[in-house]
Amino acid sequence: MKLLVHSAMRRRGIGRMLMLHLEKEARSLGRNVLTLDTQIGEPSELLYASLGYTRVGEIPRYVRDATGAYYGTVFYYKHLGK
């Protein structure tokens, strides 16, 4: 699943609020590890780091945009604990 915030609504704490709610819901469902990915260099990397996610690696040229340009992606995880 993808979690996105419209570009006109960014930098208002919406992404952080959504991620915190997602983590709470995951805990309530008994999940203990979350994984995610995002395009390398995107501002979301700073958000994930600030929420305690650990960067574990990247894949260059992972996705192609509408113009045909390739971009890498980076993967993160977080243990939710008890």
PDB file of N, CA and C in Angstrom:
ATOM      1  N   MET A   1       0.843  -1.168   0.000  1.00  0.00           N
ATOM      2  CA  MET A   1       0.000   0.000   0.000  1.00  0.00           C
ATOM      3  C   MET A   1       0.894   1.239   0.000  1.00  0.00           C
ATOM      4  N   LYS A   2       0.382   2.275  -0.549  1.00  0.00           N
ATOM      5  CA  LYS A   2       1.109   3.549  -0.559  1.00  0.00           C
ATOM      6  C   LYS A   2       0.383   4.556   0.316  1.00  0.00           C
ATOM      7  N   LEU A   3       1.150   5.343   1.016  1.00  0.00           N
ATOM      8  CA  LEU A   3       0.617   6.424   1.819  1.00  0.00           C
ATOM      9  C   LEU A   3       1.175   7.710   1.228  1.00  0.00           C
ATOM     10  N   LEU A   4       0.313   8.555   0.704  1.00  0.00           N
ATOM     11  CA  LEU A   4       0.742   9.779   0.044  1.00  0.00           C
ATOM     12  C   LEU A   4      -0.001  10.979   0.602  1.00  0.00           C
ATOM     13  N   VAL A   5       0.677  12.118   0.613  1.00  0.00           N
ATOM     14  CA  VAL A   5       0.060  13.390   0.956  1.00  0.00           C
ATOM     15  C   VAL A   5       0.147  14.265  -0.285  1.00  0.00           C
ATOM     16  N   HIS A   6      -0.977  14.839  -0.692  1.00  0.00           N
ATOM     17  CA  HIS A   6      -1.000  15.700  -1.879  1.00  0.00           C
ATOM     18  C   HIS A   6       0.046  16.802  -1.730  1.00  0.00           C
ATOM     19  N   SER A   7       0.716  17.123  -2.819  1.00  0.00           N
ATOM     20  CA  SER A   7       1.808  18.097  -2.777  1.00  0.00           C
ATOM     21  C   SER A   7       1.358  19.454  -2.228  1.00  0.00           C
ATOM     22  N   ALA A   8       0.127  19.840  -2.451  1.00  0.00           N
ATOM     23  CA  ALA A   8      -0.370  21.127  -1.951  1.00  0.00           C
ATOM     24  C   ALA A   8      -0.586  21.108  -0.437  1.00  0.00           C
ATOM     25  N   MET A   9      -0.586  19.932   0.169  1.00  0.00           N
ATOM     26  CA  MET A   9      -0.862  19.806   1.601  1.00  0.00           C
ATOM     27  C   MET A   9       0.367  19.378   2.412  1.00  0.00           C
ATOM     28  N   ARG A  10       1.522  19.329   1.789  1.00  0.00           N
ATOM     29  CA  ARG A  10       2.729  18.888   2.495  1.00  0.00           C
ATOM     30  C   ARG A  10       3.264  19.960   3.428  1.00  0.00           C
ATOM     31  N   ARG A  11       4.116  19.524   4.360  1.00  0.00           N
ATOM     32  CA  ARG A  11       4.776  20.386   5.349  1.00  0.00           C
ATOM     33  C   ARG A  11       3.785  20.946   6.356  1.00  0.00           C
ATOM     34  N   ARG A  12       2.724  20.179   6.637  1.00  0.00           N
ATOM     35  CA  ARG A  12       1.715  20.586   7.620  1.00  0.00           C
ATOM     36  C   ARG A  12       1.546  19.542   8.719  1.00  0.00           C
ATOM     37  N   GLY A  13       2.413  18.524   8.719  1.00  0.00           N
ATOM     38  CA  GLY A  13       2.325  17.487   9.740  1.00  0.00           C
ATOM     39  C   GLY A  13       1.362  16.361   9.414  1.00  0.00           C
ATOM     40  N   ILE A  14       0.778  16.398   8.229  1.00  0.00           N
ATOM     41  CA  ILE A  14      -0.199  15.376   7.856  1.00  0.00           C
ATOM     42  C   ILE A  14       0.463  14.012   7.697  1.00  0.00           C
ATOM     43  N   GLY A  15       1.606  13.969   7.041  1.00  0.00           N
ATOM     44  CA  GLY A  15       2.326  12.703   6.860  1.00  0.00           C
ATOM     45  C   GLY A  15       2.707  12.089   8.196  1.00  0.00           C
ATOM     46  N   ARG A  16       3.208  12.904   9.108  1.00  0.00           N
ATOM     47  CA  ARG A  16       3.584  12.427  10.449  1.00  0.00           C
ATOM     48  C   ARG A  16       2.350  11.878  11.161  1.00  0.00           C
ATOM     49  N   MET A  17       1.239  12.618  11.116  1.00  0.00           N
ATOM     50  CA  MET A  17       0.010  12.179  11.762  1.00  0.00           C
ATOM     51  C   MET A  17      -0.459  10.843  11.174  1.00  0.00           C
ATOM     52  N   LEU A  18      -0.416  10.718   9.857  1.00  0.00           N
ATOM     53  CA  LEU A  18      -0.829   9.468   9.214  1.00  0.00           C
ATOM     54  C   LEU A  18       0.069   8.306   9.620  1.00  0.00           C
ATOM     55  N   MET A  19       1.378   8.546   9.649  1.00  0.00           N
ATOM     56  CA  MET A  19       2.314   7.483  10.025  1.00  0.00           C
ATOM     57  C   MET A  19       2.105   7.053  11.476  1.00  0.00           C
ATOM     58  N   LEU A  20       1.901   8.001  12.370  1.00  0.00           N
ATOM     59  CA  LEU A  20       1.672   7.654  13.778  1.00  0.00           C
ATOM     60  C   LEU A  20       0.372   6.867  13.946  1.00  0.00           C
ATOM     61  N   HIS A  21      -0.650   7.250  13.200  1.00  0.00           N
ATOM     62  CA  HIS A  21      -1.910   6.502  13.253  1.00  0.00           C
ATOM     63  C   HIS A  21      -1.722   5.098  12.677  1.00  0.00           C
ATOM     64  N   LEU A  22      -0.984   5.011  11.590  1.00  0.00           N
ATOM     65  CA  LEU A  22      -0.704   3.706  10.974  1.00  0.00           C
ATOM     66  C   LEU A  22       0.030   2.796  11.960  1.00  0.00           C
ATOM     67  N   GLU A  23       1.015   3.337  12.655  1.00  0.00           N
ATOM     68  CA  GLU A  23       1.759   2.539  13.641  1.00  0.00           C
ATOM     69  C   GLU A  23       0.851   2.072  14.775  1.00  0.00           C
ATOM     70  N   LYS A  24      -0.017   2.964  15.251  1.00  0.00           N
ATOM     71  CA  LYS A  24      -0.952   2.598  16.317  1.00  0.00           C
ATOM     72  C   LYS A  24      -1.882   1.479  15.858  1.00  0.00           C
ATOM     73  N   GLU A  25      -2.387   1.601  14.655  1.00  0.00           N
ATOM     74  CA  GLU A  25      -3.276   0.573  14.103  1.00  0.00           C
ATOM     75  C   GLU A  25      -2.531  -0.746  13.926  1.00  0.00           C
ATOM     76  N   ALA A  26      -1.293  -0.674  13.439  1.00  0.00           N
ATOM     77  CA  ALA A  26      -0.489  -1.889  13.265  1.00  0.00           C
ATOM     78  C   ALA A  26      -0.280  -2.595  14.605  1.00  0.00           C
ATOM     79  N   ARG A  27       0.018  -1.832  15.649  1.00  0.00           N
ATOM     80  CA  ARG A  27       0.182  -2.420  16.995  1.00  0.00           C
ATOM     81  C   ARG A  27      -1.103  -3.106  17.442  1.00  0.00           C
ATOM     82  N   SER A  28      -2.241  -2.453  17.204  1.00  0.00           N
ATOM     83  CA  SER A  28      -3.518  -3.020  17.636  1.00  0.00           C
ATOM     84  C   SER A  28      -3.831  -4.319  16.900  1.00  0.00           C
ATOM     85  N   LEU A  29      -3.253  -4.489  15.735  1.00  0.00           N
ATOM     86  CA  LEU A  29      -3.434  -5.715  14.949  1.00  0.00           C
ATOM     87  C   LEU A  29      -2.356  -6.755  15.241  1.00  0.00           C
ATOM     88  N   GLY A  30      -1.486  -6.454  16.214  1.00  0.00           N
ATOM     89  CA  GLY A  30      -0.453  -7.403  16.609  1.00  0.00           C
ATOM     90  C   GLY A  30       0.784  -7.405  15.729  1.00  0.00           C
ATOM     91  N   ARG A  31       0.935  -6.396  14.906  1.00  0.00           N
ATOM     92  CA  ARG A  31       2.130  -6.303  14.061  1.00  0.00           C
ATOM     93  C   ARG A  31       3.278  -5.758  14.889  1.00  0.00           C
ATOM     94  N   ASN A  32       4.496  -6.218  14.612  1.00  0.00           N
ATOM     95  CA  ASN A  32       5.624  -5.718  15.392  1.00  0.00           C
ATOM     96  C   ASN A  32       6.733  -5.104  14.551  1.00  0.00           C
ATOM     97  N   VAL A  33       6.662  -5.257  13.228  1.00  0.00           N
ATOM     98  CA  VAL A  33       7.661  -4.646  12.355  1.00  0.00           C
ATOM     99  C   VAL A  33       6.952  -4.044  11.147  1.00  0.00           C
ATOM    100  N   LEU A  34       7.320  -2.816  10.825  1.00  0.00           N
ATOM    101  CA  LEU A  34       6.817  -2.182   9.608  1.00  0.00           C
ATOM    102  C   LEU A  34       7.982  -1.959   8.660  1.00  0.00           C
ATOM    103  N   THR A  35       7.744  -2.144   7.380  1.00  0.00           N
ATOM    104  CA  THR A  35       8.740  -1.857   6.355  1.00  0.00           C
ATOM    105  C   THR A  35       8.129  -0.895   5.354  1.00  0.00           C
ATOM    106  N   LEU A  36       8.979  -0.078   4.758  1.00  0.00           N
ATOM    107  CA  LEU A  36       8.498   0.860   3.749  1.00  0.00           C
ATOM    108  C   LEU A  36       9.627   1.223   2.806  1.00  0.00           C
ATOM    109  N   ASP A  37       9.240   1.845   1.707  1.00  0.00           N
ATOM    110  CA  ASP A  37      10.242   2.337   0.761  1.00  0.00           C
ATOM    111  C   ASP A  37       9.783   3.672   0.210  1.00  0.00           C
ATOM    112  N   THR A  38      10.753   4.434  -0.283  1.00  0.00           N
ATOM    113  CA  THR A  38      10.477   5.710  -0.910  1.00  0.00           C
ATOM    114  C   THR A  38      11.588   6.011  -1.908  1.00  0.00           C
ATOM    115  N   GLN A  39      11.311   6.925  -2.795  1.00  0.00           N
ATOM    116  CA  GLN A  39      12.322   7.312  -3.784  1.00  0.00           C
ATOM    117  C   GLN A  39      13.508   7.971  -3.083  1.00  0.00           C
ATOM    118  N   ILE A  40      14.694   7.605  -3.492  1.00  0.00           N
ATOM    119  CA  ILE A  40      15.914   8.185  -2.918  1.00  0.00           C
ATOM    120  C   ILE A  40      15.897   9.701  -3.095  1.00  0.00           C
ATOM    121  N   GLY A  41      16.205  10.410  -2.010  1.00  0.00           N
ATOM    122  CA  GLY A  41      16.294  11.862  -2.056  1.00  0.00           C
ATOM    123  C   GLY A  41      14.998  12.595  -1.783  1.00  0.00           C
ATOM    124  N   GLU A  42      13.920  11.881  -1.585  1.00  0.00           N
ATOM    125  CA  GLU A  42      12.635  12.524  -1.303  1.00  0.00           C
ATOM    126  C   GLU A  42      12.603  13.030   0.144  1.00  0.00           C
ATOM    127  N   PRO A  43      11.843  14.100   0.415  1.00  0.00           N
ATOM    128  CA  PRO A  43      11.720  14.611   1.786  1.00  0.00           C
ATOM    129  C   PRO A  43      11.179  13.572   2.767  1.00  0.00           C
ATOM    130  N   SER A  44      10.458  12.593   2.270  1.00  0.00           N
ATOM    131  CA  SER A  44       9.919  11.552   3.153  1.00  0.00           C
ATOM    132  C   SER A  44      11.025  10.804   3.879  1.00  0.00           C
ATOM    133  N   GLU A  45      12.229  10.779   3.318  1.00  0.00           N
ATOM    134  CA  GLU A  45      13.343  10.126   4.013  1.00  0.00           C
ATOM    135  C   GLU A  45      13.594  10.787   5.369  1.00  0.00           C
ATOM    136  N   LEU A  46      13.502  12.111   5.429  1.00  0.00           N
ATOM    137  CA  LEU A  46      13.701  12.830   6.696  1.00  0.00           C
ATOM    138  C   LEU A  46      12.580  12.515   7.675  1.00  0.00           C
ATOM    139  N   LEU A  47      11.351  12.421   7.167  1.00  0.00           N
ATOM    140  CA  LEU A  47      10.219  12.077   8.023  1.00  0.00           C
ATOM    141  C   LEU A  47      10.416  10.703   8.636  1.00  0.00           C
ATOM    142  N   TYR A  48      10.748   9.719   7.822  1.00  0.00           N
ATOM    143  CA  TYR A  48      10.901   8.354   8.324  1.00  0.00           C
ATOM    144  C   TYR A  48      12.019   8.265   9.362  1.00  0.00           C
ATOM    145  N   ALA A  49      13.121   8.934   9.107  1.00  0.00           N
ATOM    146  CA  ALA A  49      14.222   8.936  10.073  1.00  0.00           C
ATOM    147  C   ALA A  49      13.780   9.576  11.391  1.00  0.00           C
ATOM    148  N   SER A  50      13.012  10.663  11.302  1.00  0.00           N
ATOM    149  CA  SER A  50      12.565  11.350  12.517  1.00  0.00           C
ATOM    150  C   SER A  50      11.576  10.513  13.313  1.00  0.00           C
ATOM    151  N   LEU A  51      10.920   9.563  12.667  1.00  0.00           N
ATOM    152  CA  LEU A  51       9.971   8.673  13.335  1.00  0.00           C
ATOM    153  C   LEU A  51      10.628   7.393  13.836  1.00  0.00           C
ATOM    154  N   GLY A  52      11.945   7.288  13.670  1.00  0.00           N
ATOM    155  CA  GLY A  52      12.664   6.139  14.203  1.00  0.00           C
ATOM    156  C   GLY A  52      12.830   4.975  13.249  1.00  0.00           C
ATOM    157  N   TYR A  53      12.557   5.171  11.975  1.00  0.00           N
ATOM    158  CA  TYR A  53      12.762   4.102  10.990  1.00  0.00           C
ATOM    159  C   TYR A  53      14.244   4.002  10.656  1.00  0.00           C
ATOM    160  N   THR A  54      14.697   2.795  10.418  1.00  0.00           N
ATOM    161  CA  THR A  54      16.097   2.527  10.103  1.00  0.00           C
ATOM    162  C   THR A  54      16.245   2.241   8.620  1.00  0.00           C
ATOM    163  N   ARG A  55      17.149   2.968   7.980  1.00  0.00           N
ATOM    164  CA  ARG A  55      17.434   2.762   6.555  1.00  0.00           C
ATOM    165  C   ARG A  55      18.267   1.491   6.414  1.00  0.00           C
ATOM    166  N   VAL A  56      17.835   0.590   5.536  1.00  0.00           N
ATOM    167  CA  VAL A  56      18.547  -0.682   5.405  1.00  0.00           C
ATOM    168  C   VAL A  56      19.145  -0.924   4.035  1.00  0.00           C
ATOM    169  N   GLY A  57      18.809  -0.127   3.056  1.00  0.00           N
ATOM    170  CA  GLY A  57      19.420  -0.321   1.753  1.00  0.00           C
ATOM    171  C   GLY A  57      18.655   0.361   0.647  1.00  0.00           C
ATOM    172  N   GLU A  58      19.262   0.321  -0.523  1.00  0.00           N
ATOM    173  CA  GLU A  58      18.626   0.954  -1.672  1.00  0.00           C
ATOM    174  C   GLU A  58      18.816   0.109  -2.923  1.00  0.00           C
ATOM    175  N   ILE A  59      17.938   0.332  -3.864  1.00  0.00           N
ATOM    176  CA  ILE A  59      18.021  -0.317  -5.172  1.00  0.00           C
ATOM    177  C   ILE A  59      18.055   0.787  -6.216  1.00  0.00           C
ATOM    178  N   PRO A  60      19.173   0.927  -6.922  1.00  0.00           N
ATOM    179  CA  PRO A  60      19.244   1.952  -7.971  1.00  0.00           C
ATOM    180  C   PRO A  60      18.334   1.583  -9.152  1.00  0.00           C
ATOM    181  N   ARG A  61      17.873   2.594  -9.849  1.00  0.00           N
ATOM    182  CA  ARG A  61      17.062   2.402 -11.061  1.00  0.00           C
ATOM    183  C   ARG A  61      15.889   1.445 -10.816  1.00  0.00           C
ATOM    184  N   TYR A  62      15.210   1.639  -9.696  1.00  0.00           N
ATOM    185  CA  TYR A  62      14.143   0.735  -9.285  1.00  0.00           C
ATOM    186  C   TYR A  62      12.807   1.037  -9.966  1.00  0.00           C
ATOM    187  N   VAL A  63      12.550   2.297 -10.220  1.00  0.00           N
ATOM    188  CA  VAL A  63      11.263   2.699 -10.792  1.00  0.00           C
ATOM    189  C   VAL A  63      11.487   3.736 -11.892  1.00  0.00           C
ATOM    190  N   ARG A  64      10.574   3.761 -12.828  1.00  0.00           N
ATOM    191  CA  ARG A  64      10.670   4.707 -13.941  1.00  0.00           C
ATOM    192  C   ARG A  64       9.465   5.642 -13.893  1.00  0.00           C
ATOM    193  N   ASP A  65       9.705   6.932 -14.127  1.00  0.00           N
ATOM    194  CA  ASP A  65       8.593   7.880 -14.111  1.00  0.00           C
ATOM    195  C   ASP A  65       7.979   8.021 -15.504  1.00  0.00           C
ATOM    196  N   ALA A  66       7.022   8.924 -15.635  1.00  0.00           N
ATOM    197  CA  ALA A  66       6.286   9.088 -16.896  1.00  0.00           C
ATOM    198  C   ALA A  66       7.185   9.539 -18.042  1.00  0.00           C
ATOM    199  N   THR A  67       8.322  10.165 -17.717  1.00  0.00           N
ATOM    200  CA  THR A  67       9.238  10.618 -18.767  1.00  0.00           C
ATOM    201  C   THR A  67      10.217   9.523 -19.189  1.00  0.00           C
ATOM    202  N   GLY A  68      10.215   8.418 -18.460  1.00  0.00           N
ATOM    203  CA  GLY A  68      11.130   7.325 -18.759  1.00  0.00           C
ATOM    204  C   GLY A  68      12.405   7.350 -17.935  1.00  0.00           C
ATOM    205  N   ALA A  69      12.558   8.370 -17.080  1.00  0.00           N
ATOM    206  CA  ALA A  69      13.746   8.461 -16.227  1.00  0.00           C
ATOM    207  C   ALA A  69      13.652   7.446 -15.087  1.00  0.00           C
ATOM    208  N   TYR A  70      14.779   6.841 -14.762  1.00  0.00           N
ATOM    209  CA  TYR A  70      14.829   5.861 -13.672  1.00  0.00           C
ATOM    210  C   TYR A  70      15.229   6.532 -12.362  1.00  0.00           C
ATOM    211  N   TYR A  71      14.675   6.021 -11.278  1.00  0.00           N
ATOM    212  CA  TYR A  71      15.003   6.501  -9.938  1.00  0.00           C
ATOM    213  C   TYR A  71      15.229   5.313  -9.022  1.00  0.00           C
ATOM    214  N   GLY A  72      16.085   5.515  -8.046  1.00  0.00           N
ATOM    215  CA  GLY A  72      16.316   4.482  -7.060  1.00  0.00           C
ATOM    216  C   GLY A  72      15.299   4.576  -5.938  1.00  0.00           C
ATOM    217  N   THR A  73      15.214   3.510  -5.168  1.00  0.00           N
ATOM    218  CA  THR A  73      14.353   3.508  -3.990  1.00  0.00           C
ATOM    219  C   THR A  73      15.185   3.086  -2.791  1.00  0.00           C
ATOM    220  N   VAL A  74      14.756   3.524  -1.622  1.00  0.00           N
ATOM    221  CA  VAL A  74      15.437   3.197  -0.375  1.00  0.00           C
ATOM    222  C   VAL A  74      14.420   2.531   0.555  1.00  0.00           C
ATOM    223  N   PHE A  75      14.883   1.539   1.310  1.00  0.00           N
ATOM    224  CA  PHE A  75      14.024   0.758   2.201  1.00  0.00           C
ATOM    225  C   PHE A  75      14.323   1.077   3.661  1.00  0.00           C
ATOM    226  N   TYR A  76      13.258   1.070   4.466  1.00  0.00           N
ATOM    227  CA  TYR A  76      13.331   1.336   5.897  1.00  0.00           C
ATOM    228  C   TYR A  76      12.519   0.299   6.656  1.00  0.00           C
ATOM    229  N   TYR A  77      12.849   0.139   7.950  1.00  0.00           N
ATOM    230  CA  TYR A  77      12.020  -0.689   8.823  1.00  0.00           C
ATOM    231  C   TYR A  77      11.970  -0.059  10.201  1.00  0.00           C
ATOM    232  N   LYS A  78      10.968  -0.488  10.984  1.00  0.00           N
ATOM    233  CA  LYS A  78      10.850  -0.048  12.366  1.00  0.00           C
ATOM    234  C   LYS A  78      10.213  -1.155  13.174  1.00  0.00           C
ATOM    235  N   HIS A  79      10.865  -1.513  14.295  1.00  0.00           N
ATOM    236  CA  HIS A  79      10.275  -2.439  15.259  1.00  0.00           C
ATOM    237  C   HIS A  79       9.329  -1.628  16.139  1.00  0.00           C
ATOM    238  N   LEU A  80       8.097  -2.066  16.227  1.00  0.00           N
ATOM    239  CA  LEU A  80       7.102  -1.340  17.016  1.00  0.00           C
ATOM    240  C   LEU A  80       7.180  -1.639  18.494  1.00  0.00           C
ATOM    241  N   GLY A  81       7.714  -2.799  18.848  1.00  0.00           N
ATOM    242  CA  GLY A  81       7.853  -3.152  20.257  1.00  0.00           C
ATOM    243  C   GLY A  81       6.504  -3.357  20.922  1.00  0.00           C
ATOM    244  N   LYS A  82       6.563  -3.528  22.213  1.00  0.00           N
ATOM    245  CA  LYS A  82       5.330  -3.722  22.981  1.00  0.00           C
ATOM    246  C   LYS A  82       4.957  -2.482  23.710  1.00  0.00           C
TER     247      LYS A  82
END
